[in-house]
Amino acid sequence: MRSTGGITRGKRDFLAMVKRVEKGELAVVTRYGNPVAYMILADRMEVMLKTIELLANPMFTRALAAECPGTPGAVYSIDDIPY
């Protein structure tokens, strides 16, 4: 689930936003309707950072490609990825 709100609302409702994030919701902070920041669970962020590190490692990506052959260039929906 995603919750979106402006900076003014974020300042006013910060504690409520943190509580929603703790329940697994993604909070998007906007300025003039454009996203400027995201609030996500720290555990989820750690997983994302580790994934980025792994995907930046050429040895890992070669090993992954060899281990999990698929359609090169295939695009998957975020809904197809379990988390």
N, C-alpha and C. Protein backbone atom coordinates (compact mmCIF):
# COMPACT_ATOMS: atom_id res chain seq x y z
N MET A 1 0.85 -1.17 0.00
CA MET A 1 0.00 0.00 0.00
C MET A 1 0.90 1.23 0.00
N ARG A 2 0.39 2.30 -0.56
CA ARG A 2 1.18 3.53 -0.67
C ARG A 2 0.35 4.69 -0.13
N SER A 3 1.03 5.55 0.60
CA SER A 3 0.42 6.77 1.12
C SER A 3 1.21 7.94 0.58
N THR A 4 0.53 8.91 0.02
CA THR A 4 1.20 10.07 -0.56
C THR A 4 0.72 11.34 0.12
N GLY A 5 1.66 12.22 0.41
CA GLY A 5 1.29 13.49 1.02
C GLY A 5 2.39 14.52 0.85
N GLY A 6 2.02 15.76 0.92
CA GLY A 6 2.97 16.85 0.77
C GLY A 6 3.85 17.03 1.99
N ILE A 7 4.86 17.88 1.83
CA ILE A 7 5.81 18.13 2.91
C ILE A 7 5.11 18.71 4.14
N THR A 8 4.19 19.63 3.94
CA THR A 8 3.48 20.23 5.08
C THR A 8 2.73 19.16 5.86
N ARG A 9 2.03 18.29 5.14
CA ARG A 9 1.32 17.21 5.81
C ARG A 9 2.31 16.27 6.49
N GLY A 10 3.45 16.00 5.83
CA GLY A 10 4.46 15.12 6.41
C GLY A 10 5.00 15.66 7.71
N LYS A 11 5.25 16.97 7.77
CA LYS A 11 5.73 17.58 9.01
C LYS A 11 4.68 17.46 10.10
N ARG A 12 3.44 17.70 9.73
CA ARG A 12 2.35 17.68 10.71
C ARG A 12 2.05 16.25 11.18
N ASP A 13 2.11 15.28 10.25
CA ASP A 13 1.69 13.91 10.54
C ASP A 13 2.85 12.92 10.55
N PHE A 14 4.06 13.39 10.88
CA PHE A 14 5.24 12.53 10.80
C PHE A 14 5.09 11.24 11.59
N LEU A 15 4.65 11.32 12.83
CA LEU A 15 4.52 10.13 13.67
C LEU A 15 3.53 9.15 13.06
N ALA A 16 2.42 9.65 12.55
CA ALA A 16 1.42 8.78 11.92
C ALA A 16 2.00 8.11 10.67
N MET A 17 2.81 8.86 9.91
CA MET A 17 3.44 8.28 8.72
C MET A 17 4.40 7.16 9.12
N VAL A 18 5.18 7.38 10.17
CA VAL A 18 6.12 6.36 10.63
C VAL A 18 5.36 5.11 11.06
N LYS A 19 4.25 5.28 11.76
CA LYS A 19 3.45 4.13 12.19
C LYS A 19 2.92 3.35 11.00
N ARG A 20 2.49 4.05 9.95
CA ARG A 20 2.00 3.35 8.75
C ARG A 20 3.15 2.61 8.06
N VAL A 21 4.31 3.23 8.03
CA VAL A 21 5.48 2.58 7.42
C VAL A 21 5.84 1.33 8.22
N GLU A 22 5.76 1.42 9.54
CA GLU A 22 6.06 0.25 10.38
C GLU A 22 5.12 -0.91 10.09
N LYS A 23 3.95 -0.62 9.57
CA LYS A 23 2.98 -1.66 9.21
C LYS A 23 3.19 -2.15 7.78
N GLY A 24 4.24 -1.65 7.11
CA GLY A 24 4.55 -2.12 5.77
C GLY A 24 4.14 -1.21 4.63
N GLU A 25 3.56 -0.08 4.95
CA GLU A 25 3.12 0.85 3.91
C GLU A 25 4.30 1.69 3.41
N LEU A 26 4.25 2.07 2.17
CA LEU A 26 5.24 2.97 1.58
C LEU A 26 4.67 4.38 1.67
N ALA A 27 5.44 5.32 2.20
CA ALA A 27 5.01 6.71 2.28
C ALA A 27 5.81 7.53 1.27
N VAL A 28 5.11 8.30 0.47
CA VAL A 28 5.75 9.14 -0.54
C VAL A 28 5.52 10.60 -0.14
N VAL A 29 6.60 11.35 0.01
CA VAL A 29 6.51 12.77 0.34
C VAL A 29 6.66 13.55 -0.97
N THR A 30 5.74 14.46 -1.19
CA THR A 30 5.76 15.21 -2.45
C THR A 30 5.94 16.70 -2.19
N ARG A 31 6.43 17.38 -3.22
CA ARG A 31 6.49 18.84 -3.22
C ARG A 31 5.88 19.26 -4.55
N TYR A 32 4.84 20.04 -4.47
CA TYR A 32 4.12 20.48 -5.67
C TYR A 32 3.68 19.30 -6.52
N GLY A 33 3.30 18.19 -5.83
CA GLY A 33 2.79 17.02 -6.53
C GLY A 33 3.85 16.07 -7.07
N ASN A 34 5.12 16.41 -6.91
CA ASN A 34 6.21 15.56 -7.40
C ASN A 34 6.90 14.85 -6.24
N PRO A 35 7.13 13.54 -6.35
CA PRO A 35 7.81 12.81 -5.27
C PRO A 35 9.21 13.37 -5.02
N VAL A 36 9.53 13.61 -3.75
CA VAL A 36 10.86 14.08 -3.37
C VAL A 36 11.52 13.15 -2.36
N ALA A 37 10.74 12.30 -1.70
CA ALA A 37 11.30 11.38 -0.70
C ALA A 37 10.35 10.22 -0.49
N TYR A 38 10.92 9.09 -0.08
CA TYR A 38 10.15 7.91 0.26
C TYR A 38 10.49 7.48 1.67
N MET A 39 9.51 6.96 2.38
CA MET A 39 9.74 6.36 3.68
C MET A 39 9.36 4.89 3.56
N ILE A 40 10.33 4.00 3.86
CA ILE A 40 10.07 2.57 3.82
C ILE A 40 10.68 1.94 5.07
N LEU A 41 10.29 0.71 5.35
CA LEU A 41 10.86 0.00 6.49
C LEU A 41 12.37 -0.12 6.32
N ALA A 42 13.09 0.03 7.42
CA ALA A 42 14.55 -0.07 7.39
C ALA A 42 14.98 -1.44 6.89
N ASP A 43 14.29 -2.51 7.29
CA ASP A 43 14.64 -3.85 6.84
C ASP A 43 14.52 -3.97 5.32
N ARG A 44 13.47 -3.39 4.77
CA ARG A 44 13.27 -3.44 3.32
C ARG A 44 14.37 -2.63 2.62
N MET A 45 14.75 -1.50 3.20
CA MET A 45 15.81 -0.68 2.60
C MET A 45 17.13 -1.43 2.61
N GLU A 46 17.43 -2.14 3.70
CA GLU A 46 18.66 -2.92 3.77
C GLU A 46 18.69 -3.98 2.67
N VAL A 47 17.56 -4.63 2.43
CA VAL A 47 17.48 -5.64 1.37
C VAL A 47 17.70 -4.98 0.01
N MET A 48 17.12 -3.82 -0.19
CA MET A 48 17.29 -3.11 -1.46
C MET A 48 18.76 -2.72 -1.68
N LEU A 49 19.42 -2.23 -0.64
CA LEU A 49 20.82 -1.85 -0.75
C LEU A 49 21.70 -3.06 -1.06
N LYS A 50 21.43 -4.18 -0.41
CA LYS A 50 22.20 -5.39 -0.66
C LYS A 50 21.98 -5.86 -2.10
N THR A 51 20.75 -5.79 -2.57
CA THR A 51 20.44 -6.18 -3.95
C THR A 51 21.19 -5.30 -4.94
N ILE A 52 21.22 -4.00 -4.68
CA ILE A 52 21.95 -3.08 -5.56
C ILE A 52 23.43 -3.44 -5.58
N GLU A 53 23.99 -3.72 -4.40
CA GLU A 53 25.40 -4.11 -4.33
C GLU A 53 25.67 -5.37 -5.14
N LEU A 54 24.80 -6.36 -4.99
CA LEU A 54 24.99 -7.61 -5.72
C LEU A 54 24.89 -7.41 -7.22
N LEU A 55 23.89 -6.65 -7.65
CA LEU A 55 23.69 -6.44 -9.09
C LEU A 55 24.79 -5.59 -9.71
N ALA A 56 25.52 -4.85 -8.89
CA ALA A 56 26.63 -4.05 -9.39
C ALA A 56 27.91 -4.88 -9.52
N ASN A 57 27.88 -6.10 -9.02
CA ASN A 57 29.04 -6.98 -9.04
C ASN A 57 28.98 -7.85 -10.30
N PRO A 58 29.88 -7.63 -11.25
CA PRO A 58 29.85 -8.40 -12.50
C PRO A 58 29.95 -9.92 -12.29
N MET A 59 30.74 -10.36 -11.31
CA MET A 59 30.85 -11.80 -11.05
C MET A 59 29.51 -12.37 -10.61
N PHE A 60 28.79 -11.62 -9.77
CA PHE A 60 27.50 -12.09 -9.30
C PHE A 60 26.50 -12.17 -10.45
N THR A 61 26.46 -11.13 -11.28
CA THR A 61 25.47 -11.13 -12.36
C THR A 61 25.75 -12.24 -13.37
N ARG A 62 27.03 -12.54 -13.63
CA ARG A 62 27.36 -13.66 -14.53
C ARG A 62 26.91 -14.99 -13.91
N ALA A 63 27.20 -15.15 -12.62
CA ALA A 63 26.80 -16.39 -11.94
C ALA A 63 25.28 -16.51 -11.90
N LEU A 64 24.60 -15.42 -11.66
CA LEU A 64 23.13 -15.44 -11.63
C LEU A 64 22.57 -15.80 -12.99
N ALA A 65 23.13 -15.22 -14.04
CA ALA A 65 22.66 -15.52 -15.39
C ALA A 65 22.88 -16.99 -15.73
N ALA A 66 24.01 -17.55 -15.29
CA ALA A 66 24.30 -18.95 -15.56
C ALA A 66 23.39 -19.87 -14.77
N GLU A 67 23.07 -19.48 -13.55
CA GLU A 67 22.26 -20.31 -12.66
C GLU A 67 20.77 -20.23 -12.97
N CYS A 68 20.32 -19.09 -13.43
CA CYS A 68 18.89 -18.85 -13.66
C CYS A 68 18.67 -18.39 -15.10
N PRO A 69 18.84 -19.30 -16.05
CA PRO A 69 18.65 -18.87 -17.44
C PRO A 69 17.19 -18.48 -17.66
N GLY A 70 17.01 -17.41 -18.33
CA GLY A 70 15.67 -16.95 -18.63
C GLY A 70 15.71 -16.27 -19.98
N THR A 71 14.74 -15.47 -20.22
CA THR A 71 14.70 -14.74 -21.47
C THR A 71 15.52 -13.46 -21.30
N PRO A 72 16.64 -13.32 -22.00
CA PRO A 72 17.43 -12.10 -21.87
C PRO A 72 16.59 -10.88 -22.23
N GLY A 73 16.68 -9.88 -21.41
CA GLY A 73 15.94 -8.65 -21.65
C GLY A 73 14.48 -8.70 -21.22
N ALA A 74 14.07 -9.82 -20.60
CA ALA A 74 12.67 -9.92 -20.17
C ALA A 74 12.38 -8.87 -19.10
N VAL A 75 11.20 -8.36 -19.13
CA VAL A 75 10.76 -7.36 -18.16
C VAL A 75 9.66 -7.98 -17.32
N TYR A 76 9.78 -7.83 -16.01
CA TYR A 76 8.81 -8.41 -15.10
C TYR A 76 8.12 -7.31 -14.31
N SER A 77 6.91 -7.55 -13.95
CA SER A 77 6.16 -6.63 -13.10
C SER A 77 6.64 -6.78 -11.67
N ILE A 78 6.57 -5.70 -10.91
CA ILE A 78 6.94 -5.77 -9.50
C ILE A 78 6.06 -6.78 -8.78
N ASP A 79 4.86 -7.01 -9.28
CA ASP A 79 3.95 -7.97 -8.67
C ASP A 79 4.44 -9.40 -8.86
N ASP A 80 5.33 -9.63 -9.83
CA ASP A 80 5.87 -10.97 -10.09
C ASP A 80 6.99 -11.33 -9.13
N ILE A 81 7.48 -10.35 -8.38
CA ILE A 81 8.63 -10.55 -7.51
C ILE A 81 8.17 -10.75 -6.08
N PRO A 82 8.41 -11.92 -5.50
CA PRO A 82 7.98 -12.14 -4.11
C PRO A 82 8.88 -11.37 -3.15
N TYR A 83 8.27 -10.85 -2.10
CA TYR A 83 9.04 -10.20 -1.03
C TYR A 83 8.33 -10.36 0.27
